[in-house]
Amino acid sequence: MQTRFDDWPAQVLDVNDVKSVVRDVGRYGFAIVCDKWRFDAHDFERLAALYHLGPMYQSDFNRRLHTEGMSPSGMNKVGGLTSGRHDVFNGTSSVALHTDGSYLPIGTIKTSVLLCKQHASNGGESILFDSLSAFAALSRDHPELAQCLLAPNAFRRRSTDPRLDRQYEHIGPMFLAAEDGAIVAGFTLDATADWDYSRRMDPRVLDAVAYLTRLTDPDSGYALSFALQKGQALIMRNDQLSHGRSAYADDPANPRILLRGLFLCAPRAYAMQETPARALAPQA
């Protein structure tokens, strides 16, 4: 089955070539761009203005528990931190496929941006999974399993931080059929996934996830990996792709550092025009 990655030309676009960037994001689910960055919140404000992404989103969970590297603007630093206990932000191990916005309804975070300030000395590849095409394959081969993932109580993501007296969670579908007919994806395999919950709700969810997990194999055509280089930014549809990373080795003098911004809007070449309000009929 054809996937969105099949004819990706492995190109890096100029950040100012807005039409080409929006085209690639629409076609492949992501684009890689380059620019002369400042490597601070200003870069994300500029991206938001170029692609009409709206303000950055910062979760209450990260604001409370992972203040290291967090900017008041919503940008956060991944890697190169001297303190903190976040598995992803502070670690160098691999990160399982997931979507951002762990404890939000799927599709809330439509765009994730990762800006590479310094790449790793070895490893640290970004991994993308075309979960929409994978779900289409599941729907074709096992429609009853695909239907399970659309159930409103199919999937639970929860925090497991011992510092919390109340854990964060969200229960919802793993995939969602939007009002316009589009499928919204929230395929996640990381530590927030509560498989015991899914087993209790409907064991077929685990069979569906096993099918999709087989398609995450690097040779399946549904997965793509590459190492972002210093000065490159990955702009991706968080509501269409899942992403992760491979483990990496750090150079202590030049640790791997990515800057992340999350946005509620999808990239657009033009601002949305507001619908003019209808004139009120004169009162009798």
C-alpha atoms as a PDB file:
ATOM      1  CA  MET A   1       0.000   0.000   0.000  1.00  0.00           C
ATOM      2  CA  GLN A   2       1.285   3.454  -0.840  1.00  0.00           C
ATOM      3  CA  THR A   3       2.273   5.684   2.059  1.00  0.00           C
ATOM      4  CA  ARG A   4       2.776   9.417   2.290  1.00  0.00           C
ATOM      5  CA  PHE A   5       6.538   8.930   2.530  1.00  0.00           C
ATOM      6  CA  ASP A   6       6.960   6.997  -0.736  1.00  0.00           C
ATOM      7  CA  ASP A   7       8.060   9.918  -2.902  1.00  0.00           C
ATOM      8  CA  TRP A   8       9.490  12.255  -0.270  1.00  0.00           C
ATOM      9  CA  PRO A   9      12.445  13.957  -2.010  1.00  0.00           C
ATOM     10  CA  ALA A  10      14.569  14.313   1.162  1.00  0.00           C
ATOM     11  CA  GLN A  11      14.852  18.038   0.640  1.00  0.00           C
ATOM     12  CA  VAL A  12      15.434  20.913   3.043  1.00  0.00           C
ATOM     13  CA  LEU A  13      13.368  23.983   2.215  1.00  0.00           C
ATOM     14  CA  ASP A  14      14.001  27.651   2.865  1.00  0.00           C
ATOM     15  CA  VAL A  15      11.780  28.698   5.757  1.00  0.00           C
ATOM     16  CA  ASN A  16      10.598  31.706   3.733  1.00  0.00           C
ATOM     17  CA  ASP A  17       9.321  29.521   0.879  1.00  0.00           C
ATOM     18  CA  VAL A  18       5.961  29.336   2.593  1.00  0.00           C
ATOM     19  CA  LYS A  19       4.012  27.798  -0.290  1.00  0.00           C
ATOM     20  CA  SER A  20       6.496  24.944  -0.714  1.00  0.00           C
ATOM     21  CA  VAL A  21       6.626  24.278   3.024  1.00  0.00           C
ATOM     22  CA  VAL A  22       2.839  24.192   3.343  1.00  0.00           C
ATOM     23  CA  ARG A  23       2.677  21.985   0.231  1.00  0.00           C
ATOM     24  CA  ASP A  24       5.121  19.461   1.713  1.00  0.00           C
ATOM     25  CA  VAL A  25       3.365  19.418   5.070  1.00  0.00           C
ATOM     26  CA  GLY A  26       0.089  18.762   3.267  1.00  0.00           C
ATOM     27  CA  ARG A  27       1.591  16.038   1.073  1.00  0.00           C
ATOM     28  CA  TYR A  28       3.971  14.236   3.443  1.00  0.00           C
ATOM     29  CA  GLY A  29       2.757  15.376   6.845  1.00  0.00           C
ATOM     30  CA  PHE A  30       5.995  17.252   7.532  1.00  0.00           C
ATOM     31  CA  ALA A  31       8.669  19.512   6.098  1.00  0.00           C
ATOM     32  CA  ILE A  32      12.276  20.266   7.004  1.00  0.00           C
ATOM     33  CA  VAL A  33      13.304  23.908   6.794  1.00  0.00           C
ATOM     34  CA  CYS A  34      16.450  25.940   7.327  1.00  0.00           C
ATOM     35  CA  ASP A  35      17.161  29.565   8.198  1.00  0.00           C
ATOM     36  CA  LYS A  36      19.557  31.804  10.099  1.00  0.00           C
ATOM     37  CA  TRP A  37      18.061  31.175  13.510  1.00  0.00           C
ATOM     38  CA  ARG A  38      18.502  32.958  16.809  1.00  0.00           C
ATOM     39  CA  PHE A  39      17.696  29.720  18.667  1.00  0.00           C
ATOM     40  CA  ASP A  40      15.258  31.331  21.051  1.00  0.00           C
ATOM     41  CA  ALA A  41      11.528  31.991  21.330  1.00  0.00           C
ATOM     42  CA  HIS A  42      11.768  34.594  18.570  1.00  0.00           C
ATOM     43  CA  ASP A  43      12.284  31.802  16.012  1.00  0.00           C
ATOM     44  CA  PHE A  44       8.995  30.177  16.991  1.00  0.00           C
ATOM     45  CA  GLU A  45       7.164  33.484  16.942  1.00  0.00           C
ATOM     46  CA  ARG A  46       8.451  33.968  13.412  1.00  0.00           C
ATOM     47  CA  LEU A  47       7.387  30.479  12.344  1.00  0.00           C
ATOM     48  CA  ALA A  48       3.958  31.103  13.835  1.00  0.00           C
ATOM     49  CA  ALA A  49       3.657  34.325  11.844  1.00  0.00           C
ATOM     50  CA  LEU A  50       4.889  32.760   8.585  1.00  0.00           C
ATOM     51  CA  TYR A  51       2.573  29.746   8.743  1.00  0.00           C
ATOM     52  CA  HIS A  52      -0.322  31.203  10.765  1.00  0.00           C
ATOM     53  CA  LEU A  53       0.132  28.722  13.603  1.00  0.00           C
ATOM     54  CA  GLY A  54      -1.241  30.898  16.386  1.00  0.00           C
ATOM     55  CA  PRO A  55       0.331  31.074  19.865  1.00  0.00           C
ATOM     56  CA  MET A  56       2.501  28.317  21.295  1.00  0.00           C
ATOM     57  CA  TYR A  57       0.916  25.845  23.681  1.00  0.00           C
ATOM     58  CA  GLN A  58       2.552  24.735  26.922  1.00  0.00           C
ATOM     59  CA  SER A  59       0.978  21.964  28.957  1.00  0.00           C
ATOM     60  CA  ASP A  60       0.099  22.369  32.604  1.00  0.00           C
ATOM     61  CA  PHE A  61       1.945  19.099  33.263  1.00  0.00           C
ATOM     62  CA  ASN A  62       5.257  20.367  31.894  1.00  0.00           C
ATOM     63  CA  ARG A  63       4.764  23.799  33.432  1.00  0.00           C
ATOM     64  CA  ARG A  64       4.395  22.209  36.871  1.00  0.00           C
ATOM     65  CA  LEU A  65       6.947  19.403  36.759  1.00  0.00           C
ATOM     66  CA  HIS A  66       9.525  20.183  34.081  1.00  0.00           C
ATOM     67  CA  THR A  67      10.448  23.831  34.467  1.00  0.00           C
ATOM     68  CA  GLU A  68      14.039  23.172  33.380  1.00  0.00           C
ATOM     69  CA  GLY A  69      14.491  24.614  29.927  1.00  0.00           C
ATOM     70  CA  MET A  70      10.924  25.920  29.754  1.00  0.00           C
ATOM     71  CA  SER A  71      10.395  29.377  28.313  1.00  0.00           C
ATOM     72  CA  PRO A  72       7.473  31.601  29.382  1.00  0.00           C
ATOM     73  CA  SER A  73       6.583  31.733  25.683  1.00  0.00           C
ATOM     74  CA  GLY A  74       5.889  27.982  25.612  1.00  0.00           C
ATOM     75  CA  MET A  75       9.137  26.911  23.923  1.00  0.00           C
ATOM     76  CA  ASN A  76      11.069  24.179  25.684  1.00  0.00           C
ATOM     77  CA  LYS A  77      14.600  22.875  25.437  1.00  0.00           C
ATOM     78  CA  VAL A  78      15.223  19.182  24.785  1.00  0.00           C
ATOM     79  CA  GLY A  79      18.731  18.078  25.792  1.00  0.00           C
ATOM     80  CA  GLY A  80      21.682  20.026  27.130  1.00  0.00           C
ATOM     81  CA  LEU A  81      19.972  20.501  30.498  1.00  0.00           C
ATOM     82  CA  THR A  82      21.924  20.483  33.759  1.00  0.00           C
ATOM     83  CA  SER A  83      18.971  19.399  35.911  1.00  0.00           C
ATOM     84  CA  GLY A  84      15.586  17.743  35.620  1.00  0.00           C
ATOM     85  CA  ARG A  85      14.113  14.241  35.388  1.00  0.00           C
ATOM     86  CA  HIS A  86      12.051  14.242  32.195  1.00  0.00           C
ATOM     87  CA  ASP A  87      12.632  10.987  30.308  1.00  0.00           C
ATOM     88  CA  VAL A  88      12.799  12.750  26.936  1.00  0.00           C
ATOM     89  CA  PHE A  89      14.043  16.254  27.716  1.00  0.00           C
ATOM     90  CA  ASN A  90      16.841  15.066  30.017  1.00  0.00           C
ATOM     91  CA  GLY A  91      17.692  11.648  28.588  1.00  0.00           C
ATOM     92  CA  THR A  92      19.667  10.293  25.652  1.00  0.00           C
ATOM     93  CA  SER A  93      17.787   6.994  25.274  1.00  0.00           C
ATOM     94  CA  SER A  94      15.420   6.177  22.446  1.00  0.00           C
ATOM     95  CA  VAL A  95      11.891   7.593  22.557  1.00  0.00           C
ATOM     96  CA  ALA A  96       8.964   5.442  21.463  1.00  0.00           C
ATOM     97  CA  LEU A  97       6.491   6.676  18.882  1.00  0.00           C
ATOM     98  CA  HIS A  98       3.933   9.098  20.279  1.00  0.00           C
ATOM     99  CA  THR A  99       1.970  12.240  19.568  1.00  0.00           C
ATOM    100  CA  ASP A 100       2.457  15.431  21.567  1.00  0.00           C
ATOM    101  CA  GLY A 101      -0.246  16.611  23.932  1.00  0.00           C
ATOM    102  CA  SER A 102      -0.323  13.439  26.029  1.00  0.00           C
ATOM    103  CA  TYR A 103      -3.266  14.394  28.239  1.00  0.00           C
ATOM    104  CA  LEU A 104      -5.293  16.323  25.674  1.00  0.00           C
ATOM    105  CA  PRO A 105      -7.909  15.085  23.191  1.00  0.00           C
ATOM    106  CA  ILE A 106      -6.143  13.835  20.057  1.00  0.00           C
ATOM    107  CA  GLY A 107      -5.914  16.473  17.370  1.00  0.00           C
ATOM    108  CA  THR A 108      -5.631  19.361  19.845  1.00  0.00           C
ATOM    109  CA  ILE A 109      -1.946  19.895  19.024  1.00  0.00           C
ATOM    110  CA  LYS A 110      -1.951  20.083  15.252  1.00  0.00           C
ATOM    111  CA  THR A 111       1.649  21.200  14.675  1.00  0.00           C
ATOM    112  CA  SER A 112       4.880  20.266  16.446  1.00  0.00           C
ATOM    113  CA  VAL A 113       8.137  22.022  15.590  1.00  0.00           C
ATOM    114  CA  LEU A 114      11.605  20.743  16.508  1.00  0.00           C
ATOM    115  CA  LEU A 115      14.478  23.142  15.844  1.00  0.00           C
ATOM    116  CA  CYS A 116      17.967  21.629  16.011  1.00  0.00           C
ATOM    117  CA  LYS A 117      20.415  23.895  17.817  1.00  0.00           C
ATOM    118  CA  GLN A 118      23.073  21.165  17.952  1.00  0.00           C
ATOM    119  CA  HIS A 119      22.912  17.639  16.563  1.00  0.00           C
ATOM    120  CA  ALA A 120      24.280  14.620  18.430  1.00  0.00           C
ATOM    121  CA  SER A 121      27.767  13.301  17.845  1.00  0.00           C
ATOM    122  CA  ASN A 122      26.165   9.934  17.058  1.00  0.00           C
ATOM    123  CA  GLY A 123      22.535   8.842  16.737  1.00  0.00           C
ATOM    124  CA  GLY A 124      19.513  10.891  17.721  1.00  0.00           C
ATOM    125  CA  GLU A 125      17.604  10.362  14.468  1.00  0.00           C
ATOM    126  CA  SER A 126      14.049  11.626  14.294  1.00  0.00           C
ATOM    127  CA  ILE A 127      11.595   8.820  13.510  1.00  0.00           C
ATOM    128  CA  LEU A 128       8.264   9.492  11.814  1.00  0.00           C
ATOM    129  CA  PHE A 129       5.403   7.023  11.393  1.00  0.00           C
ATOM    130  CA  ASP A 130       2.663   7.510   8.813  1.00  0.00           C
ATOM    131  CA  SER A 131      -0.088   6.375  11.141  1.00  0.00           C
ATOM    132  CA  LEU A 132      -2.868   7.621   8.847  1.00  0.00           C
ATOM    133  CA  SER A 133      -1.784   5.317   6.005  1.00  0.00           C
ATOM    134  CA  ALA A 134      -1.226   2.514   8.511  1.00  0.00           C
ATOM    135  CA  PHE A 135      -4.755   2.989   9.847  1.00  0.00           C
ATOM    136  CA  ALA A 136      -6.078   2.884   6.280  1.00  0.00           C
ATOM    137  CA  ALA A 137      -4.302  -0.465   5.812  1.00  0.00           C
ATOM    138  CA  LEU A 138      -5.813  -1.758   9.054  1.00  0.00           C
ATOM    139  CA  SER A 139      -9.260  -0.583   7.934  1.00  0.00           C
ATOM    140  CA  ARG A 140      -8.841  -2.483   4.672  1.00  0.00           C
ATOM    141  CA  ASP A 141      -7.530  -5.721   6.198  1.00  0.00           C
ATOM    142  CA  HIS A 142      -9.402  -5.765   9.529  1.00  0.00           C
ATOM    143  CA  PRO A 143     -12.228  -3.226   9.542  1.00  0.00           C
ATOM    144  CA  GLU A 144     -13.577  -4.504  12.862  1.00  0.00           C
ATOM    145  CA  LEU A 145     -10.224  -3.839  14.547  1.00  0.00           C
ATOM    146  CA  ALA A 146      -9.989  -0.374  13.029  1.00  0.00           C
ATOM    147  CA  GLN A 147     -13.454   0.374  14.390  1.00  0.00           C
ATOM    148  CA  CYS A 148     -12.253  -0.514  17.900  1.00  0.00           C
ATOM    149  CA  LEU A 149      -9.660   2.265  17.783  1.00  0.00           C
ATOM    150  CA  LEU A 150     -12.393   4.810  16.994  1.00  0.00           C
ATOM    151  CA  ALA A 151     -14.313   4.010  20.185  1.00  0.00           C
ATOM    152  CA  PRO A 152     -14.497   6.960  22.611  1.00  0.00           C
ATOM    153  CA  ASN A 153     -13.051   4.857  25.448  1.00  0.00           C
ATOM    154  CA  ALA A 154     -10.473   2.859  23.461  1.00  0.00           C
ATOM    155  CA  PHE A 155      -7.265   4.369  24.810  1.00  0.00           C
ATOM    156  CA  ARG A 156      -5.921   5.907  27.990  1.00  0.00           C
ATOM    157  CA  ARG A 157      -2.743   7.944  28.394  1.00  0.00           C
ATOM    158  CA  ARG A 158      -1.632   8.726  31.928  1.00  0.00           C
ATOM    159  CA  SER A 159       1.324  10.200  33.753  1.00  0.00           C
ATOM    160  CA  THR A 160       3.398   8.059  36.104  1.00  0.00           C
ATOM    161  CA  ASP A 161       5.454  10.707  37.908  1.00  0.00           C
ATOM    162  CA  PRO A 162       5.869   9.844  41.622  1.00  0.00           C
ATOM    163  CA  ARG A 163       6.025  13.548  42.506  1.00  0.00           C
ATOM    164  CA  LEU A 164       2.337  13.936  41.685  1.00  0.00           C
ATOM    165  CA  ASP A 165      -0.405  13.245  44.211  1.00  0.00           C
ATOM    166  CA  ARG A 166      -2.854  13.139  41.291  1.00  0.00           C
ATOM    167  CA  GLN A 167      -1.801  11.740  37.936  1.00  0.00           C
ATOM    168  CA  TYR A 168      -2.766  13.373  34.640  1.00  0.00           C
ATOM    169  CA  GLU A 169      -4.777  11.297  32.182  1.00  0.00           C
ATOM    170  CA  HIS A 170      -6.925  11.408  29.084  1.00  0.00           C
ATOM    171  CA  ILE A 171      -9.300   8.736  27.797  1.00  0.00           C
ATOM    172  CA  GLY A 172     -10.458   8.810  24.203  1.00  0.00           C
ATOM    173  CA  PRO A 173     -10.106   7.165  20.793  1.00  0.00           C
ATOM    174  CA  MET A 174      -6.707   6.417  19.276  1.00  0.00           C
ATOM    175  CA  PHE A 175      -8.036   7.582  15.906  1.00  0.00           C
ATOM    176  CA  LEU A 176     -10.926   9.956  15.348  1.00  0.00           C
ATOM    177  CA  ALA A 177     -13.209  10.571  12.383  1.00  0.00           C
ATOM    178  CA  ALA A 178     -13.567  14.359  12.195  1.00  0.00           C
ATOM    179  CA  GLU A 179     -16.720  16.141  11.062  1.00  0.00           C
ATOM    180  CA  ASP A 180     -15.183  16.826   7.643  1.00  0.00           C
ATOM    181  CA  GLY A 181     -14.440  13.126   7.150  1.00  0.00           C
ATOM    182  CA  ALA A 182     -10.700  13.417   7.814  1.00  0.00           C
ATOM    183  CA  ILE A 183      -9.047  10.966  10.195  1.00  0.00           C
ATOM    184  CA  VAL A 184      -7.207  12.395  13.198  1.00  0.00           C
ATOM    185  CA  ALA A 185      -4.371  10.235  14.528  1.00  0.00           C
ATOM    186  CA  GLY A 186      -3.137   9.725  18.073  1.00  0.00           C
ATOM    187  CA  PHE A 187      -1.118   6.501  17.720  1.00  0.00           C
ATOM    188  CA  THR A 188       1.186   6.220  20.727  1.00  0.00           C
ATOM    189  CA  LEU A 189       3.496   3.505  22.040  1.00  0.00           C
ATOM    190  CA  ASP A 190       5.351   5.410  24.773  1.00  0.00           C
ATOM    191  CA  ALA A 191       5.178   5.010  28.562  1.00  0.00           C
ATOM    192  CA  THR A 192       1.985   7.066  28.830  1.00  0.00           C
ATOM    193  CA  ALA A 193      -0.015   4.321  27.067  1.00  0.00           C
ATOM    194  CA  ASP A 194      -2.092   2.284  29.528  1.00  0.00           C
ATOM    195  CA  TRP A 195      -2.512  -1.084  27.818  1.00  0.00           C
ATOM    196  CA  ASP A 196      -4.088  -2.677  30.884  1.00  0.00           C
ATOM    197  CA  TYR A 197      -6.904  -0.165  30.548  1.00  0.00           C
ATOM    198  CA  SER A 198      -7.418  -1.042  26.864  1.00  0.00           C
ATOM    199  CA  ARG A 199      -7.376  -4.750  27.704  1.00  0.00           C
ATOM    200  CA  ARG A 200     -10.193  -4.218  30.196  1.00  0.00           C
ATOM    201  CA  MET A 201     -12.240  -2.047  27.836  1.00  0.00           C
ATOM    202  CA  ASP A 202     -11.833  -4.100  24.650  1.00  0.00           C
ATOM    203  CA  PRO A 203      -8.995  -6.610  24.136  1.00  0.00           C
ATOM    204  CA  ARG A 204      -9.324  -6.177  20.376  1.00  0.00           C
ATOM    205  CA  VAL A 205      -7.656  -2.773  20.780  1.00  0.00           C
ATOM    206  CA  LEU A 206      -4.427  -4.638  21.555  1.00  0.00           C
ATOM    207  CA  ASP A 207      -4.797  -6.707  18.383  1.00  0.00           C
ATOM    208  CA  ALA A 208      -5.293  -3.523  16.364  1.00  0.00           C
ATOM    209  CA  VAL A 209      -2.259  -1.894  17.964  1.00  0.00           C
ATOM    210  CA  ALA A 210      -0.173  -5.022  17.299  1.00  0.00           C
ATOM    211  CA  TYR A 211      -1.056  -4.769  13.590  1.00  0.00           C
ATOM    212  CA  LEU A 212      -0.041  -1.104  13.481  1.00  0.00           C
ATOM    213  CA  THR A 213       3.119  -1.763  15.486  1.00  0.00           C
ATOM    214  CA  ARG A 214       4.287  -4.264  12.867  1.00  0.00           C
ATOM    215  CA  LEU A 215       4.051  -1.465  10.305  1.00  0.00           C
ATOM    216  CA  THR A 216       6.470   0.684  12.323  1.00  0.00           C
ATOM    217  CA  ASP A 217       9.321  -1.515  11.073  1.00  0.00           C
ATOM    218  CA  PRO A 218      11.923   0.665   9.301  1.00  0.00           C
ATOM    219  CA  ASP A 219      11.540  -1.373   6.095  1.00  0.00           C
ATOM    220  CA  SER A 220       7.739  -1.233   5.993  1.00  0.00           C
ATOM    221  CA  GLY A 221       7.508   2.030   4.060  1.00  0.00           C
ATOM    222  CA  TYR A 222       5.354   3.529   6.809  1.00  0.00           C
ATOM    223  CA  ALA A 223       8.329   4.742   8.864  1.00  0.00           C
ATOM    224  CA  LEU A 224      11.012   7.272   8.030  1.00  0.00           C
ATOM    225  CA  SER A 225      14.103   8.331   9.959  1.00  0.00           C
ATOM    226  CA  PHE A 226      16.684  11.060   9.522  1.00  0.00           C
ATOM    227  CA  ALA A 227      19.039  13.092  11.675  1.00  0.00           C
ATOM    228  CA  LEU A 228      18.189  16.767  11.894  1.00  0.00           C
ATOM    229  CA  GLN A 229      21.341  18.828  11.492  1.00  0.00           C
ATOM    230  CA  LYS A 230      22.173  22.051  13.288  1.00  0.00           C
ATOM    231  CA  GLY A 231      20.076  24.839  11.799  1.00  0.00           C
ATOM    232  CA  GLN A 232      17.325  22.554  10.488  1.00  0.00           C
ATOM    233  CA  ALA A 233      13.772  22.551  11.828  1.00  0.00           C
ATOM    234  CA  LEU A 234      11.181  19.804  11.508  1.00  0.00           C
ATOM    235  CA  ILE A 235       7.605  21.042  11.078  1.00  0.00           C
ATOM    236  CA  MET A 236       5.116  18.170  11.375  1.00  0.00           C
ATOM    237  CA  ARG A 237       1.411  17.514  11.648  1.00  0.00           C
ATOM    238  CA  ASN A 238       1.084  16.080  15.131  1.00  0.00           C
ATOM    239  CA  ASP A 239      -2.512  15.088  14.370  1.00  0.00           C
ATOM    240  CA  GLN A 240      -1.438  12.956  11.389  1.00  0.00           C
ATOM    241  CA  LEU A 241       1.985  11.461  12.197  1.00  0.00           C
ATOM    242  CA  SER A 242       3.543   9.824  15.226  1.00  0.00           C
ATOM    243  CA  HIS A 243       7.167  10.594  16.041  1.00  0.00           C
ATOM    244  CA  GLY A 244      10.021   9.328  18.178  1.00  0.00           C
ATOM    245  CA  ARG A 245      13.809   9.296  18.234  1.00  0.00           C
ATOM    246  CA  SER A 246      16.700   6.875  18.339  1.00  0.00           C
ATOM    247  CA  ALA A 247      19.178   6.788  21.205  1.00  0.00           C
ATOM    248  CA  TYR A 248      22.226   8.988  20.875  1.00  0.00           C
ATOM    249  CA  ALA A 249      25.680   9.702  22.271  1.00  0.00           C
ATOM    250  CA  ASP A 250      26.426  13.212  23.440  1.00  0.00           C
ATOM    251  CA  ASP A 251      29.584  15.239  23.111  1.00  0.00           C
ATOM    252  CA  PRO A 252      29.768  16.882  26.570  1.00  0.00           C
ATOM    253  CA  ALA A 253      31.238  20.004  25.007  1.00  0.00           C
ATOM    254  CA  ASN A 254      28.458  20.187  22.390  1.00  0.00           C
ATOM    255  CA  PRO A 255      25.407  18.302  23.654  1.00  0.00           C
ATOM    256  CA  ARG A 256      22.461  17.603  21.378  1.00  0.00           C
ATOM    257  CA  ILE A 257      19.889  20.374  21.833  1.00  0.00           C
ATOM    258  CA  LEU A 258      16.507  20.682  20.180  1.00  0.00           C
ATOM    259  CA  LEU A 259      14.023  23.465  20.812  1.00  0.00           C
ATOM    260  CA  ARG A 260      10.354  22.472  20.700  1.00  0.00           C
ATOM    261  CA  GLY A 261       7.179  24.423  20.093  1.00  0.00           C
ATOM    262  CA  LEU A 262       3.616  23.102  19.983  1.00  0.00           C
ATOM    263  CA  PHE A 263       0.776  24.847  18.156  1.00  0.00           C
ATOM    264  CA  LEU A 264      -2.988  24.425  17.963  1.00  0.00           C
ATOM    265  CA  CYS A 265      -3.221  25.320  14.250  1.00  0.00           C
ATOM    266  CA  ALA A 266      -1.985  23.557  11.111  1.00  0.00           C
ATOM    267  CA  PRO A 267       0.430  25.404   8.777  1.00  0.00           C
ATOM    268  CA  ARG A 268      -1.279  27.599   6.200  1.00  0.00           C
ATOM    269  CA  ALA A 269       0.051  29.849   3.475  1.00  0.00           C
ATOM    270  CA  TYR A 270      -2.593  32.470   4.148  1.00  0.00           C
ATOM    271  CA  ALA A 271      -4.426  33.676   7.207  1.00  0.00           C
ATOM    272  CA  MET A 272      -7.938  32.410   7.703  1.00  0.00           C
ATOM    273  CA  GLN A 273     -10.515  34.970   6.695  1.00  0.00           C
ATOM    274  CA  GLU A 274     -13.213  35.556   9.229  1.00  0.00           C
ATOM    275  CA  THR A 275     -16.744  34.950   8.026  1.00  0.00           C
ATOM    276  CA  PRO A 276     -18.582  38.278   8.035  1.00  0.00           C
ATOM    277  CA  ALA A 277     -21.308  38.399  10.640  1.00  0.00           C
ATOM    278  CA  ARG A 278     -24.807  38.374   9.230  1.00  0.00           C
ATOM    279  CA  ALA A 279     -26.653  41.633   9.587  1.00  0.00           C
ATOM    280  CA  LEU A 280     -29.367  41.534  12.197  1.00  0.00           C
ATOM    281  CA  ALA A 281     -32.920  42.004  10.976  1.00  0.00           C
ATOM    282  CA  PRO A 282     -34.414  45.262  12.211  1.00  0.00           C
ATOM    283  CA  GLN A 283     -36.607  44.826  15.236  1.00  0.00           C
ATOM    284  CA  ALA A 284     -40.276  45.594  14.835  1.00  0.00           C
END
